[in-house]
PDB file of N, CA and C in Angstrom:
ATOM      1  N   MET A   1      12.444  -2.552  -1.026  1.00  0.00           N
ATOM      2  CA  MET A   1      11.192  -2.945  -0.416  1.00  0.00           C
ATOM      3  C   MET A   1      11.275  -4.424  -0.090  1.00  0.00           C
ATOM      4  N   GLY A   2      10.821  -4.809   1.063  1.00  0.00           N
ATOM      5  CA  GLY A   2      10.857  -6.199   1.494  1.00  0.00           C
ATOM      6  C   GLY A   2       9.927  -7.079   0.680  1.00  0.00           C
ATOM      7  N   HIS A   3      10.113  -8.367   0.813  1.00  0.00           N
ATOM      8  CA  HIS A   3       9.316  -9.347   0.092  1.00  0.00           C
ATOM      9  C   HIS A   3       8.105  -9.714   0.948  1.00  0.00           C
ATOM     10  N   ALA A   4       6.934  -9.186   0.619  1.00  0.00           N
ATOM     11  CA  ALA A   4       5.723  -9.407   1.418  1.00  0.00           C
ATOM     12  C   ALA A   4       5.204 -10.829   1.254  1.00  0.00           C
ATOM     13  N   GLU A   5       4.605 -11.339   2.289  1.00  0.00           N
ATOM     14  CA  GLU A   5       3.983 -12.666   2.276  1.00  0.00           C
ATOM     15  C   GLU A   5       2.944 -12.722   1.159  1.00  0.00           C
ATOM     16  N   GLY A   6       2.997 -13.766   0.322  1.00  0.00           N
ATOM     17  CA  GLY A   6       2.011 -13.941  -0.743  1.00  0.00           C
ATOM     18  C   GLY A   6       2.285 -13.107  -1.980  1.00  0.00           C
ATOM     19  N   MET A   7       3.407 -12.408  -2.040  1.00  0.00           N
ATOM     20  CA  MET A   7       3.732 -11.575  -3.186  1.00  0.00           C
ATOM     21  C   MET A   7       5.042 -12.026  -3.807  1.00  0.00           C
ATOM     22  N   PRO A   8       4.994 -12.894  -4.803  1.00  0.00           N
ATOM     23  CA  PRO A   8       6.226 -13.407  -5.363  1.00  0.00           C
ATOM     24  C   PRO A   8       6.977 -12.432  -6.267  1.00  0.00           C
ATOM     25  N   ASN A   9       6.313 -11.407  -6.817  1.00  0.00           N
ATOM     26  CA  ASN A   9       7.004 -10.550  -7.770  1.00  0.00           C
ATOM     27  C   ASN A   9       6.203  -9.278  -8.029  1.00  0.00           C
ATOM     28  N   ILE A  10       6.895  -8.243  -8.500  1.00  0.00           N
ATOM     29  CA  ILE A  10       6.232  -7.053  -9.025  1.00  0.00           C
ATOM     30  C   ILE A  10       6.921  -6.693 -10.340  1.00  0.00           C
ATOM     31  N   HIS A  11       6.200  -6.018 -11.220  1.00  0.00           N
ATOM     32  CA  HIS A  11       6.791  -5.582 -12.486  1.00  0.00           C
ATOM     33  C   HIS A  11       6.086  -4.321 -12.959  1.00  0.00           C
ATOM     34  N   HIS A  12       6.601  -3.738 -14.019  1.00  0.00           N
ATOM     35  CA  HIS A  12       6.089  -2.471 -14.558  1.00  0.00           C
ATOM     36  C   HIS A  12       5.928  -1.444 -13.432  1.00  0.00           C
ATOM     37  N   VAL A  13       7.011  -1.177 -12.753  1.00  0.00           N
ATOM     38  CA  VAL A  13       7.017  -0.248 -11.627  1.00  0.00           C
ATOM     39  C   VAL A  13       7.305   1.164 -12.146  1.00  0.00           C
ATOM     40  N   TYR A  14       6.474   2.099 -11.717  1.00  0.00           N
ATOM     41  CA  TYR A  14       6.646   3.500 -12.098  1.00  0.00           C
ATOM     42  C   TYR A  14       6.589   4.349 -10.838  1.00  0.00           C
ATOM     43  N   ILE A  15       7.537   5.259 -10.701  1.00  0.00           N
ATOM     44  CA  ILE A  15       7.554   6.205  -9.584  1.00  0.00           C
ATOM     45  C   ILE A  15       7.755   7.584 -10.190  1.00  0.00           C
ATOM     46  N   TRP A  16       6.935   8.523  -9.781  1.00  0.00           N
ATOM     47  CA  TRP A  16       7.082   9.879 -10.281  1.00  0.00           C
ATOM     48  C   TRP A  16       6.704  10.885  -9.209  1.00  0.00           C
ATOM     49  N   ARG A  17       7.145  12.100  -9.396  1.00  0.00           N
ATOM     50  CA  ARG A  17       6.920  13.186  -8.443  1.00  0.00           C
ATOM     51  C   ARG A  17       5.636  13.911  -8.822  1.00  0.00           C
ATOM     52  N   LEU A  18       4.692  13.985  -7.867  1.00  0.00           N
ATOM     53  CA  LEU A  18       3.455  14.737  -8.072  1.00  0.00           C
ATOM     54  C   LEU A  18       3.696  16.228  -7.838  1.00  0.00           C
ATOM     55  N   ASN A  19       4.458  16.519  -6.807  1.00  0.00           N
ATOM     56  CA  ASN A  19       4.905  17.881  -6.516  1.00  0.00           C
ATOM     57  C   ASN A  19       6.156  17.757  -5.650  1.00  0.00           C
ATOM     58  N   GLU A  20       6.652  18.857  -5.114  1.00  0.00           N
ATOM     59  CA  GLU A  20       7.925  18.785  -4.389  1.00  0.00           C
ATOM     60  C   GLU A  20       7.856  17.988  -3.084  1.00  0.00           C
ATOM     61  N   HIS A  21       6.644  17.655  -2.614  1.00  0.00           N
ATOM     62  CA  HIS A  21       6.499  16.923  -1.358  1.00  0.00           C
ATOM     63  C   HIS A  21       5.833  15.552  -1.517  1.00  0.00           C
ATOM     64  N   LYS A  22       5.316  15.240  -2.701  1.00  0.00           N
ATOM     65  CA  LYS A  22       4.581  13.986  -2.886  1.00  0.00           C
ATOM     66  C   LYS A  22       5.099  13.210  -4.086  1.00  0.00           C
ATOM     67  N   ASN A  23       5.289  11.904  -3.862  1.00  0.00           N
ATOM     68  CA  ASN A  23       5.660  10.988  -4.932  1.00  0.00           C
ATOM     69  C   ASN A  23       4.523   9.998  -5.146  1.00  0.00           C
ATOM     70  N   ALA A  24       4.426   9.475  -6.354  1.00  0.00           N
ATOM     71  CA  ALA A  24       3.413   8.476  -6.681  1.00  0.00           C
ATOM     72  C   ALA A  24       4.107   7.186  -7.113  1.00  0.00           C
ATOM     73  N   PHE A  25       3.412   6.089  -6.937  1.00  0.00           N
ATOM     74  CA  PHE A  25       3.957   4.757  -7.231  1.00  0.00           C
ATOM     75  C   PHE A  25       2.878   3.946  -7.932  1.00  0.00           C
ATOM     76  N   GLU A  26       3.271   3.237  -8.972  1.00  0.00           N
ATOM     77  CA  GLU A  26       2.350   2.350  -9.680  1.00  0.00           C
ATOM     78  C   GLU A  26       3.096   1.071 -10.011  1.00  0.00           C
ATOM     79  N   ALA A  27       2.433  -0.087  -9.836  1.00  0.00           N
ATOM     80  CA  ALA A  27       3.086  -1.358 -10.135  1.00  0.00           C
ATOM     81  C   ALA A  27       2.052  -2.455 -10.323  1.00  0.00           C
ATOM     82  N   TYR A  28       2.462  -3.480 -11.054  1.00  0.00           N
ATOM     83  CA  TYR A  28       1.710  -4.718 -11.158  1.00  0.00           C
ATOM     84  C   TYR A  28       2.294  -5.671 -10.123  1.00  0.00           C
ATOM     85  N   VAL A  29       1.441  -6.263  -9.315  1.00  0.00           N
ATOM     86  CA  VAL A  29       1.860  -7.127  -8.226  1.00  0.00           C
ATOM     87  C   VAL A  29       1.353  -8.536  -8.509  1.00  0.00           C
ATOM     88  N   ILE A  30       2.266  -9.489  -8.585  1.00  0.00           N
ATOM     89  CA  ILE A  30       1.888 -10.886  -8.810  1.00  0.00           C
ATOM     90  C   ILE A  30       1.768 -11.558  -7.459  1.00  0.00           C
ATOM     91  N   ILE A  31       0.587 -12.092  -7.176  1.00  0.00           N
ATOM     92  CA  ILE A  31       0.346 -12.784  -5.911  1.00  0.00           C
ATOM     93  C   ILE A  31      -0.024 -14.230  -6.192  1.00  0.00           C
ATOM     94  N   ASN A  32       0.014 -15.046  -5.162  1.00  0.00           N
ATOM     95  CA  ASN A  32      -0.287 -16.470  -5.316  1.00  0.00           C
ATOM     96  C   ASN A  32      -1.776 -16.750  -5.418  1.00  0.00           C
ATOM     97  N   ASP A  33      -2.598 -15.921  -4.779  1.00  0.00           N
ATOM     98  CA  ASP A  33      -4.033 -16.168  -4.713  1.00  0.00           C
ATOM     99  C   ASP A  33      -4.743 -14.824  -4.552  1.00  0.00           C
ATOM    100  N   PHE A  34      -5.813 -14.603  -5.300  1.00  0.00           N
ATOM    101  CA  PHE A  34      -6.543 -13.348  -5.181  1.00  0.00           C
ATOM    102  C   PHE A  34      -7.138 -13.155  -3.782  1.00  0.00           C
ATOM    103  N   CYS A  35      -7.261 -14.219  -3.015  1.00  0.00           N
ATOM    104  CA  CYS A  35      -7.720 -14.086  -1.623  1.00  0.00           C
ATOM    105  C   CYS A  35      -6.730 -13.280  -0.788  1.00  0.00           C
ATOM    106  N   ASP A  36      -5.471 -13.181  -1.245  1.00  0.00           N
ATOM    107  CA  ASP A  36      -4.430 -12.449  -0.530  1.00  0.00           C
ATOM    108  C   ASP A  36      -4.377 -10.971  -0.901  1.00  0.00           C
ATOM    109  N   THR A  37      -5.200 -10.549  -1.851  1.00  0.00           N
ATOM    110  CA  THR A  37      -5.102  -9.192  -2.397  1.00  0.00           C
ATOM    111  C   THR A  37      -5.127  -8.117  -1.320  1.00  0.00           C
ATOM    112  N   GLU A  38      -6.115  -8.129  -0.448  1.00  0.00           N
ATOM    113  CA  GLU A  38      -6.267  -7.070   0.543  1.00  0.00           C
ATOM    114  C   GLU A  38      -5.098  -7.047   1.527  1.00  0.00           C
ATOM    115  N   THR A  39      -4.670  -8.205   1.979  1.00  0.00           N
ATOM    116  CA  THR A  39      -3.550  -8.295   2.920  1.00  0.00           C
ATOM    117  C   THR A  39      -2.271  -7.755   2.302  1.00  0.00           C
ATOM    118  N   VAL A  40      -1.987  -8.162   1.072  1.00  0.00           N
ATOM    119  CA  VAL A  40      -0.777  -7.708   0.388  1.00  0.00           C
ATOM    120  C   VAL A  40      -0.876  -6.216   0.095  1.00  0.00           C
ATOM    121  N   LYS A  41      -2.046  -5.743  -0.325  1.00  0.00           N
ATOM    122  CA  LYS A  41      -2.221  -4.319  -0.622  1.00  0.00           C
ATOM    123  C   LYS A  41      -1.936  -3.462   0.607  1.00  0.00           C
ATOM    124  N   ILE A  42      -2.487  -3.842   1.740  1.00  0.00           N
ATOM    125  CA  ILE A  42      -2.268  -3.080   2.976  1.00  0.00           C
ATOM    126  C   ILE A  42      -0.785  -3.089   3.356  1.00  0.00           C
ATOM    127  N   ALA A  43      -0.145  -4.252   3.282  1.00  0.00           N
ATOM    128  CA  ALA A  43       1.273  -4.359   3.636  1.00  0.00           C
ATOM    129  C   ALA A  43       2.137  -3.494   2.719  1.00  0.00           C
ATOM    130  N   LEU A  44       1.852  -3.509   1.428  1.00  0.00           N
ATOM    131  CA  LEU A  44       2.623  -2.708   0.484  1.00  0.00           C
ATOM    132  C   LEU A  44       2.428  -1.213   0.714  1.00  0.00           C
ATOM    133  N   LYS A  45       1.188  -0.791   0.946  1.00  0.00           N
ATOM    134  CA  LYS A  45       0.919   0.628   1.164  1.00  0.00           C
ATOM    135  C   LYS A  45       1.591   1.126   2.448  1.00  0.00           C
ATOM    136  N   VAL A  46       1.606   0.302   3.485  1.00  0.00           N
ATOM    137  CA  VAL A  46       2.299   0.668   4.723  1.00  0.00           C
ATOM    138  C   VAL A  46       3.802   0.784   4.457  1.00  0.00           C
ATOM    139  N   GLU A  47       4.374  -0.178   3.756  1.00  0.00           N
ATOM    140  CA  GLU A  47       5.806  -0.163   3.427  1.00  0.00           C
ATOM    141  C   GLU A  47       6.155   1.054   2.572  1.00  0.00           C
ATOM    142  N   LEU A  48       5.325   1.361   1.583  1.00  0.00           N
ATOM    143  CA  LEU A  48       5.576   2.516   0.723  1.00  0.00           C
ATOM    144  C   LEU A  48       5.545   3.823   1.513  1.00  0.00           C
ATOM    145  N   GLU A  49       4.580   3.939   2.407  1.00  0.00           N
ATOM    146  CA  GLU A  49       4.461   5.176   3.182  1.00  0.00           C
ATOM    147  C   GLU A  49       5.570   5.302   4.228  1.00  0.00           C
ATOM    148  N   GLN A  50       5.803   4.241   4.999  1.00  0.00           N
ATOM    149  CA  GLN A  50       6.790   4.312   6.078  1.00  0.00           C
ATOM    150  C   GLN A  50       8.230   4.289   5.562  1.00  0.00           C
ATOM    151  N   GLY A  51       8.470   3.491   4.549  1.00  0.00           N
ATOM    152  CA  GLY A  51       9.837   3.347   4.053  1.00  0.00           C
ATOM    153  C   GLY A  51      10.250   4.376   3.021  1.00  0.00           C
ATOM    154  N   PHE A  52       9.272   4.907   2.265  1.00  0.00           N
ATOM    155  CA  PHE A  52       9.611   5.776   1.145  1.00  0.00           C
ATOM    156  C   PHE A  52       8.794   7.061   1.090  1.00  0.00           C
ATOM    157  N   ASN A  53       7.927   7.280   2.085  1.00  0.00           N
ATOM    158  CA  ASN A  53       7.080   8.468   2.140  1.00  0.00           C
ATOM    159  C   ASN A  53       6.211   8.621   0.885  1.00  0.00           C
ATOM    160  N   ILE A  54       5.750   7.495   0.347  1.00  0.00           N
ATOM    161  CA  ILE A  54       4.857   7.498  -0.811  1.00  0.00           C
ATOM    162  C   ILE A  54       3.444   7.243  -0.301  1.00  0.00           C
ATOM    163  N   THR A  55       2.585   8.242  -0.443  1.00  0.00           N
ATOM    164  CA  THR A  55       1.215   8.127   0.057  1.00  0.00           C
ATOM    165  C   THR A  55       0.197   7.954  -1.060  1.00  0.00           C
ATOM    166  N   HIS A  56       0.632   8.053  -2.313  1.00  0.00           N
ATOM    167  CA  HIS A  56      -0.263   7.840  -3.459  1.00  0.00           C
ATOM    168  C   HIS A  56       0.263   6.653  -4.254  1.00  0.00           C
ATOM    169  N   SER A  57      -0.494   5.545  -4.257  1.00  0.00           N
ATOM    170  CA  SER A  57      -0.053   4.366  -5.003  1.00  0.00           C
ATOM    171  C   SER A  57      -1.230   3.709  -5.706  1.00  0.00           C
ATOM    172  N   THR A  58      -0.924   3.157  -6.867  1.00  0.00           N
ATOM    173  CA  THR A  58      -1.889   2.379  -7.645  1.00  0.00           C
ATOM    174  C   THR A  58      -1.269   1.004  -7.839  1.00  0.00           C
ATOM    175  N   LEU A  59      -1.979  -0.025  -7.383  1.00  0.00           N
ATOM    176  CA  LEU A  59      -1.469  -1.394  -7.463  1.00  0.00           C
ATOM    177  C   LEU A  59      -2.441  -2.244  -8.266  1.00  0.00           C
ATOM    178  N   GLU A  60      -1.936  -2.930  -9.261  1.00  0.00           N
ATOM    179  CA  GLU A  60      -2.723  -3.842 -10.102  1.00  0.00           C
ATOM    180  C   GLU A  60      -2.282  -5.257  -9.734  1.00  0.00           C
ATOM    181  N   PHE A  61      -3.227  -6.112  -9.376  1.00  0.00           N
ATOM    182  CA  PHE A  61      -2.890  -7.465  -8.922  1.00  0.00           C
ATOM    183  C   PHE A  61      -3.124  -8.502 -10.006  1.00  0.00           C
ATOM    184  N   GLU A  62      -2.177  -9.449 -10.113  1.00  0.00           N
ATOM    185  CA  GLU A  62      -2.238 -10.549 -11.078  1.00  0.00           C
ATOM    186  C   GLU A  62      -1.871 -11.845 -10.371  1.00  0.00           C
ATOM    187  N   ILE A  63      -2.284 -12.945 -10.961  1.00  0.00           N
ATOM    188  CA  ILE A  63      -1.904 -14.260 -10.429  1.00  0.00           C
ATOM    189  C   ILE A  63      -0.589 -14.739 -11.030  1.00  0.00           C
ATOM    190  N   LYS A  64      -0.393 -14.577 -12.329  1.00  0.00           N
ATOM    191  CA  LYS A  64       0.844 -15.007 -12.973  1.00  0.00           C
ATOM    192  C   LYS A  64       1.447 -13.829 -13.712  1.00  0.00           C
ATOM    193  N   HIS A  65       2.768 -13.865 -13.873  1.00  0.00           N
ATOM    194  CA  HIS A  65       3.453 -12.841 -14.665  1.00  0.00           C
ATOM    195  C   HIS A  65       3.104 -13.058 -16.135  1.00  0.00           C
ATOM    196  N   CYS A  66       2.719 -12.000 -16.792  1.00  0.00           N
ATOM    197  CA  CYS A  66       2.369 -12.069 -18.209  1.00  0.00           C
ATOM    198  C   CYS A  66       3.622 -12.355 -19.030  1.00  0.00           C
ATOM    199  N   LYS A  67       3.573 -13.360 -19.868  1.00  0.00           N
ATOM    200  CA  LYS A  67       4.721 -13.710 -20.703  1.00  0.00           C
ATOM    201  C   LYS A  67       4.543 -13.227 -22.141  1.00  0.00           C
ATOM    202  N   LYS A  68       3.462 -12.499 -22.402  1.00  0.00           N
ATOM    203  CA  LYS A  68       3.222 -11.981 -23.744  1.00  0.00           C
ATOM    204  C   LYS A  68       3.996 -10.689 -23.938  1.00  0.00           C
ATOM    205  N   SER A  69       4.354 -10.403 -25.163  1.00  0.00           N
ATOM    206  CA  SER A  69       5.101  -9.184 -25.446  1.00  0.00           C
ATOM    207  C   SER A  69       4.231  -7.937 -25.318  1.00  0.00           C
ATOM    208  N   CYS A  70       2.906  -8.094 -25.262  1.00  0.00           N
ATOM    209  CA  CYS A  70       2.014  -6.938 -25.208  1.00  0.00           C
ATOM    210  C   CYS A  70       1.777  -6.437 -23.792  1.00  0.00           C
ATOM    211  N   CYS A  71       2.346  -7.041 -22.781  1.00  0.00           N
ATOM    212  CA  CYS A  71       2.131  -6.624 -21.396  1.00  0.00           C
ATOM    213  C   CYS A  71       2.885  -5.362 -21.073  1.00  0.00           C
TER     214      CYS A  71
END
C-alpha cells in the first residue's frame, strides 16, 4: 500500500476473510493532524478497494504511535 499524504505510519494491522469473496481490514493509522482524518480515510479506503479488493475496513486514527506496552 502506498504512503498516503498525512499518514506517517500504521500498526496493529489485521486482515481476515469474511467469506470466500470478501476480506476485512483493520488498522491503527497514525496521522499528523486530526484535521486530515477524513482525507486519509477516503484515500485508504479507495486504495484498499482498488488495490486489494477489500470493501470492509475499520480504521482507528491516532496522532502519535503508542509507546506503551499495553497498546
